[in-house]
Amino acid sequence: MDLQLTGKRAVVTGGASGIGKATAALLAAEGADVVIASRSADRLRHAADEIAATSGRAVHPVPVDTSDDASVRAMAARAAELLGPVEILVNCAAVAAVPGAAGGFDAVTSQVFWDDMNVKVLGYLRCAQALAPGMIAAGWGRIINVSGLAARSAGSVVGSVRNVSVAAMTKNLADELGRHGVNVTVVHPGLTRTEATPSVVAAMASREGVSPEQLERQLAGGNTIGRMITAEEVAAIIVFLASPRSVAINGDAVACGGGAPRAIYY
């Protein structure tokens, strides 16, 4: 199926690694021109070069700190200079969640809570505020917010609160922007295999006194397909939502964690 993305102009935050990088690579492979944005200029340049070489499309690295208003505005302006009017925004920049590292509610400090919310929730809102006006003017756009399945389960106060907040923000934006031709959706990845997974699993296994292979089998047992979903598999869902083909989906959440056992969502 042609996703009708050839020539579309996209910004992916958190695009230097993980789900963001995989999404940028697939957008480029589908014919889009892409700006990838994150705080690490060196990693951005490397990722942009890699994706451009593989896809043959223009991929531009633009540093941004989504916790800062001025930095987001500067990123949006630079993206418009490089690409023209941006039509697709994938919000993926966040403080990395480390499996098994969350403490109880009494371990949450104000600084940890607000730093996390500022980067992810307010950061997503800042990027939408900076780029949605151009989509409204064009009469078409897509905003996809990468949240997470912590929105549907307990275990991390900050993880659950930030992800529920992203979902609520998504619905509000969708209701406001839908009449302008701009669809806004949220995806909830679960535990996802990225380039960081081997080192994270090794550290967790060492703490728990088991082998990395054993720990990974335990982690994979948390979904109904019995293995970790990959960043590329999550990216495939995001890229569909970024396409004109996804017009029937607006304001809704799409889970992509391999299936939560026993839970029913409707």
Protein backbone atom coordinates (compact mmCIF):
# COMPACT_ATOMS: atom_id res chain seq x y z
CA MET A 1 0.00 0.00 0.00
CA ASP A 2 1.31 3.42 -0.92
CA LEU A 3 1.27 5.54 2.26
CA GLN A 4 1.32 8.73 0.15
CA LEU A 5 4.26 10.15 2.08
CA THR A 6 6.55 11.01 -0.83
CA GLY A 7 7.57 14.65 -0.51
CA LYS A 8 5.95 15.13 2.90
CA ARG A 9 7.95 17.16 5.41
CA ALA A 10 8.40 15.76 8.90
CA VAL A 11 10.03 16.63 12.23
CA VAL A 12 10.88 13.80 14.64
CA THR A 13 12.00 14.78 18.13
CA GLY A 14 14.09 12.25 20.02
CA GLY A 15 15.27 11.28 16.56
CA ALA A 16 18.89 10.42 17.34
CA SER A 17 18.14 6.96 18.70
CA GLY A 18 15.51 4.41 19.63
CA ILE A 19 11.94 4.69 18.40
CA GLY A 20 12.52 8.23 17.15
CA LYS A 21 15.43 7.23 14.94
CA ALA A 22 13.58 4.16 13.64
CA THR A 23 10.58 6.36 12.81
CA ALA A 24 12.70 8.92 10.99
CA ALA A 25 14.36 6.15 8.98
CA LEU A 26 11.02 4.68 7.93
CA LEU A 27 9.54 8.08 7.07
CA ALA A 28 12.55 8.73 4.86
CA ALA A 29 12.27 5.28 3.29
CA GLU A 30 8.64 6.12 2.44
CA GLY A 31 9.78 9.27 0.63
CA ALA A 32 9.47 11.97 3.29
CA ASP A 33 12.07 14.65 3.97
CA VAL A 34 12.92 14.69 7.65
CA VAL A 35 14.38 16.85 10.39
CA ILE A 36 15.54 14.85 13.40
CA ALA A 37 15.88 16.77 16.64
CA SER A 38 17.34 15.99 20.05
CA ARG A 39 19.80 17.40 22.56
CA SER A 40 22.87 15.51 21.35
CA ALA A 41 24.31 17.23 18.29
CA ASP A 42 26.94 14.54 17.65
CA ARG A 43 24.47 11.66 17.81
CA LEU A 44 22.06 13.61 15.62
CA ARG A 45 24.65 14.13 12.90
CA HIS A 46 25.58 10.46 12.92
CA ALA A 47 21.94 9.35 12.77
CA ALA A 48 21.10 11.82 9.99
CA ASP A 49 24.02 10.67 7.88
CA GLU A 50 23.08 7.03 8.39
CA ILE A 51 19.41 7.52 7.50
CA ALA A 52 20.16 9.72 4.49
CA ALA A 53 22.66 7.22 3.11
CA THR A 54 20.16 4.38 3.43
CA SER A 55 17.07 6.19 2.16
CA GLY A 56 18.46 8.68 -0.33
CA ARG A 57 16.23 11.39 1.17
CA ALA A 58 17.17 14.65 2.85
CA VAL A 59 17.60 14.15 6.60
CA HIS A 60 18.66 17.17 8.64
CA PRO A 61 19.91 17.18 12.26
CA VAL A 62 18.65 20.10 14.35
CA PRO A 63 19.56 20.23 18.05
CA VAL A 64 16.72 21.03 20.45
CA ASP A 65 15.97 20.98 24.15
CA THR A 66 12.23 20.41 24.36
CA SER A 67 12.20 21.62 27.97
CA ASP A 68 12.99 25.14 26.74
CA ASP A 69 10.54 27.41 24.90
CA ALA A 70 13.16 29.33 22.96
CA SER A 71 14.97 26.17 21.87
CA VAL A 72 11.75 24.68 20.49
CA ARG A 73 10.89 27.87 18.62
CA ALA A 74 14.38 27.95 17.13
CA MET A 75 14.09 24.30 16.08
CA ALA A 76 10.75 24.93 14.39
CA ALA A 77 12.11 27.93 12.52
CA ARG A 78 15.18 26.01 11.37
CA ALA A 79 13.04 23.07 10.24
CA ALA A 80 10.94 25.43 8.11
CA GLU A 81 14.11 26.87 6.58
CA LEU A 82 15.41 23.41 5.71
CA LEU A 83 12.21 21.71 4.58
CA GLY A 84 9.53 24.30 4.00
CA PRO A 85 6.22 24.10 5.91
CA VAL A 86 6.29 21.10 8.24
CA GLU A 87 3.33 18.74 7.80
CA ILE A 88 4.18 15.93 10.23
CA LEU A 89 5.37 16.08 13.84
CA VAL A 90 6.39 12.98 15.76
CA ASN A 91 6.95 13.83 19.42
CA CYS A 92 9.35 11.26 20.87
CA ALA A 93 11.80 13.23 23.05
CA ALA A 94 11.61 12.16 26.70
CA VAL A 95 13.64 11.32 29.75
CA ALA A 96 14.46 7.66 29.20
CA ALA A 97 12.51 5.22 31.36
CA VAL A 98 14.69 2.42 32.72
CA PRO A 99 12.83 -0.88 33.31
CA GLY A 100 12.93 -1.96 36.92
CA ALA A 101 14.42 1.32 38.13
CA ALA A 102 11.25 2.97 39.42
CA GLY A 103 10.98 3.40 43.15
CA GLY A 104 7.86 3.78 45.25
CA PHE A 105 5.87 6.97 45.51
CA ASP A 106 8.02 8.15 48.43
CA ALA A 107 11.11 8.12 46.19
CA VAL A 108 9.69 10.70 43.79
CA THR A 109 11.19 14.15 44.24
CA SER A 110 9.73 17.40 42.93
CA GLN A 111 12.72 17.95 40.68
CA VAL A 112 12.55 14.48 39.12
CA PHE A 113 8.80 14.81 38.59
CA TRP A 114 8.84 18.27 37.03
CA ASP A 115 11.97 17.69 34.96
CA ASP A 116 10.32 14.62 33.41
CA MET A 117 6.99 16.36 32.82
CA ASN A 118 8.72 19.42 31.37
CA VAL A 119 10.67 17.42 28.79
CA LYS A 120 7.91 15.06 27.73
CA VAL A 121 4.48 16.55 28.37
CA LEU A 122 5.22 20.25 28.07
CA GLY A 123 7.88 19.49 25.48
CA TYR A 124 5.32 17.77 23.26
CA LEU A 125 2.94 20.70 23.73
CA ARG A 126 5.66 23.22 22.91
CA CYS A 127 6.48 21.42 19.66
CA ALA A 128 2.81 21.21 18.70
CA GLN A 129 2.31 24.90 19.42
CA ALA A 130 5.34 25.76 17.29
CA LEU A 131 4.44 23.60 14.28
CA ALA A 132 0.65 23.20 14.22
CA PRO A 133 -0.04 26.74 12.92
CA GLY A 134 1.70 25.85 9.65
CA MET A 135 -0.36 22.67 9.37
CA ILE A 136 -3.56 24.65 9.98
CA ALA A 137 -2.58 27.12 7.27
CA ALA A 138 -1.97 24.24 4.84
CA GLY A 139 -5.20 22.47 5.81
CA TRP A 140 -3.43 19.17 6.50
CA GLY A 141 -1.13 17.70 9.10
CA ARG A 142 -0.36 14.86 11.44
CA ILE A 143 0.91 14.93 15.04
CA ILE A 144 1.83 11.63 16.66
CA ASN A 145 2.73 11.62 20.35
CA VAL A 146 4.79 8.70 21.62
CA SER A 147 3.59 7.92 25.14
CA GLY A 148 3.80 4.43 26.67
CA LEU A 149 1.90 1.60 28.30
CA ALA A 150 2.70 2.98 31.75
CA ALA A 151 -0.41 5.05 31.03
CA ARG A 152 -2.39 1.83 31.58
CA SER A 153 -0.58 0.27 34.51
CA ALA A 154 0.88 1.12 37.89
CA GLY A 155 4.49 0.66 38.96
CA SER A 156 5.98 4.09 38.28
CA VAL A 157 4.25 7.23 39.54
CA VAL A 158 6.10 9.53 37.16
CA GLY A 159 5.86 7.10 34.24
CA SER A 160 2.12 6.70 34.61
CA VAL A 161 1.39 10.39 35.21
CA ARG A 162 3.45 11.62 32.28
CA ASN A 163 1.99 9.09 29.87
CA VAL A 164 -1.61 9.65 30.94
CA SER A 165 -0.96 13.37 30.56
CA VAL A 166 0.30 12.88 27.01
CA ALA A 167 -2.83 10.89 26.16
CA ALA A 168 -5.11 13.59 27.61
CA MET A 169 -3.22 16.32 25.78
CA THR A 170 -3.51 14.35 22.54
CA LYS A 171 -7.29 14.19 22.77
CA ASN A 172 -7.54 17.91 23.48
CA LEU A 173 -5.34 18.77 20.49
CA ALA A 174 -7.26 16.37 18.26
CA ASP A 175 -10.58 17.96 19.10
CA GLU A 176 -9.21 21.44 18.38
CA LEU A 177 -7.22 20.64 15.26
CA GLY A 178 -9.32 17.98 13.54
CA ARG A 179 -11.56 20.50 11.78
CA HIS A 180 -8.43 22.04 10.24
CA GLY A 181 -7.35 18.75 8.66
CA VAL A 182 -4.78 18.00 11.37
CA ASN A 183 -5.08 14.58 13.04
CA VAL A 184 -3.45 13.98 16.42
CA THR A 185 -2.88 10.50 17.84
CA VAL A 186 -0.95 8.86 20.65
CA VAL A 187 0.90 5.54 20.57
CA HIS A 188 1.67 3.48 23.66
CA PRO A 189 4.77 1.32 23.17
CA GLY A 190 5.57 -1.25 25.82
CA LEU A 191 9.02 -2.59 26.55
CA THR A 192 10.76 -2.04 23.21
CA ARG A 193 14.06 -3.35 21.87
CA THR A 194 16.37 -0.52 20.84
CA GLU A 195 20.11 -0.13 20.50
CA ALA A 196 20.24 0.56 24.27
CA THR A 197 18.51 -2.70 25.24
CA PRO A 198 21.58 -4.99 25.57
CA SER A 199 23.33 -2.72 28.08
CA VAL A 200 20.11 -2.07 30.03
CA VAL A 201 19.30 -5.78 30.21
CA ALA A 202 22.87 -6.63 31.23
CA ALA A 203 22.77 -4.10 34.09
CA MET A 204 19.38 -5.36 35.31
CA ALA A 205 20.51 -8.97 35.09
CA SER A 206 23.60 -8.19 37.13
CA ARG A 207 21.52 -6.54 39.84
CA GLU A 208 19.14 -9.50 39.99
CA GLY A 209 21.83 -12.19 39.78
CA VAL A 210 20.54 -13.84 36.61
CA SER A 211 21.86 -14.12 33.08
CA PRO A 212 20.87 -11.50 30.47
CA GLU A 213 19.19 -14.25 28.44
CA GLN A 214 17.09 -15.34 31.41
CA LEU A 215 16.09 -11.80 32.25
CA GLU A 216 15.12 -11.05 28.67
CA ARG A 217 12.87 -14.11 28.62
CA GLN A 218 11.20 -12.85 31.79
CA LEU A 219 10.69 -9.39 30.31
CA ALA A 220 9.32 -10.81 27.07
CA GLY A 221 6.72 -12.73 29.07
CA GLY A 222 4.96 -9.46 29.79
CA ASN A 223 3.09 -9.47 26.48
CA THR A 224 0.99 -12.00 24.60
CA ILE A 225 3.38 -12.66 21.71
CA GLY A 226 6.25 -13.70 23.99
CA ARG A 227 8.98 -11.43 22.70
CA MET A 228 10.01 -7.79 22.81
CA ILE A 229 8.61 -5.50 20.16
CA THR A 230 11.35 -3.71 18.21
CA ALA A 231 11.72 0.01 17.61
CA GLU A 232 11.18 -0.63 13.90
CA GLU A 233 7.86 -2.35 14.59
CA VAL A 234 6.64 0.60 16.65
CA ALA A 235 7.88 2.95 13.92
CA ALA A 236 5.74 1.14 11.34
CA ILE A 237 2.62 2.07 13.31
CA ILE A 238 3.73 5.66 13.79
CA VAL A 239 4.48 6.08 10.09
CA PHE A 240 1.04 4.80 9.12
CA LEU A 241 -0.49 7.32 11.54
CA ALA A 242 1.65 10.02 9.93
CA SER A 243 0.21 9.24 6.51
CA PRO A 244 -2.92 10.48 4.75
CA ARG A 245 -4.21 6.89 4.99
CA SER A 246 -4.83 7.34 8.74
CA VAL A 247 -7.54 9.99 8.40
CA ALA A 248 -10.14 7.88 10.24
CA ILE A 249 -8.06 7.91 13.45
CA ASN A 250 -8.05 11.13 15.46
CA GLY A 251 -7.58 11.63 19.20
CA ASP A 252 -7.28 7.92 19.88
CA ALA A 253 -4.58 5.80 21.50
CA VAL A 254 -2.90 2.92 19.69
CA ALA A 255 -1.15 0.36 21.91
CA CYS A 256 1.90 -1.32 20.37
CA GLY A 257 3.45 -3.44 23.08
CA GLY A 258 2.69 -6.91 21.80
CA GLY A 259 -0.61 -7.23 23.65
CA ALA A 260 -1.31 -6.82 27.36
CA PRO A 261 -2.33 -10.17 28.89
CA ARG A 262 -5.86 -10.43 30.26
CA ALA A 263 -6.65 -6.72 29.96
CA ILE A 264 -9.63 -5.54 27.92
CA TYR A 265 -9.66 -1.99 26.53
CA TYR A 266 -12.56 -0.64 24.51
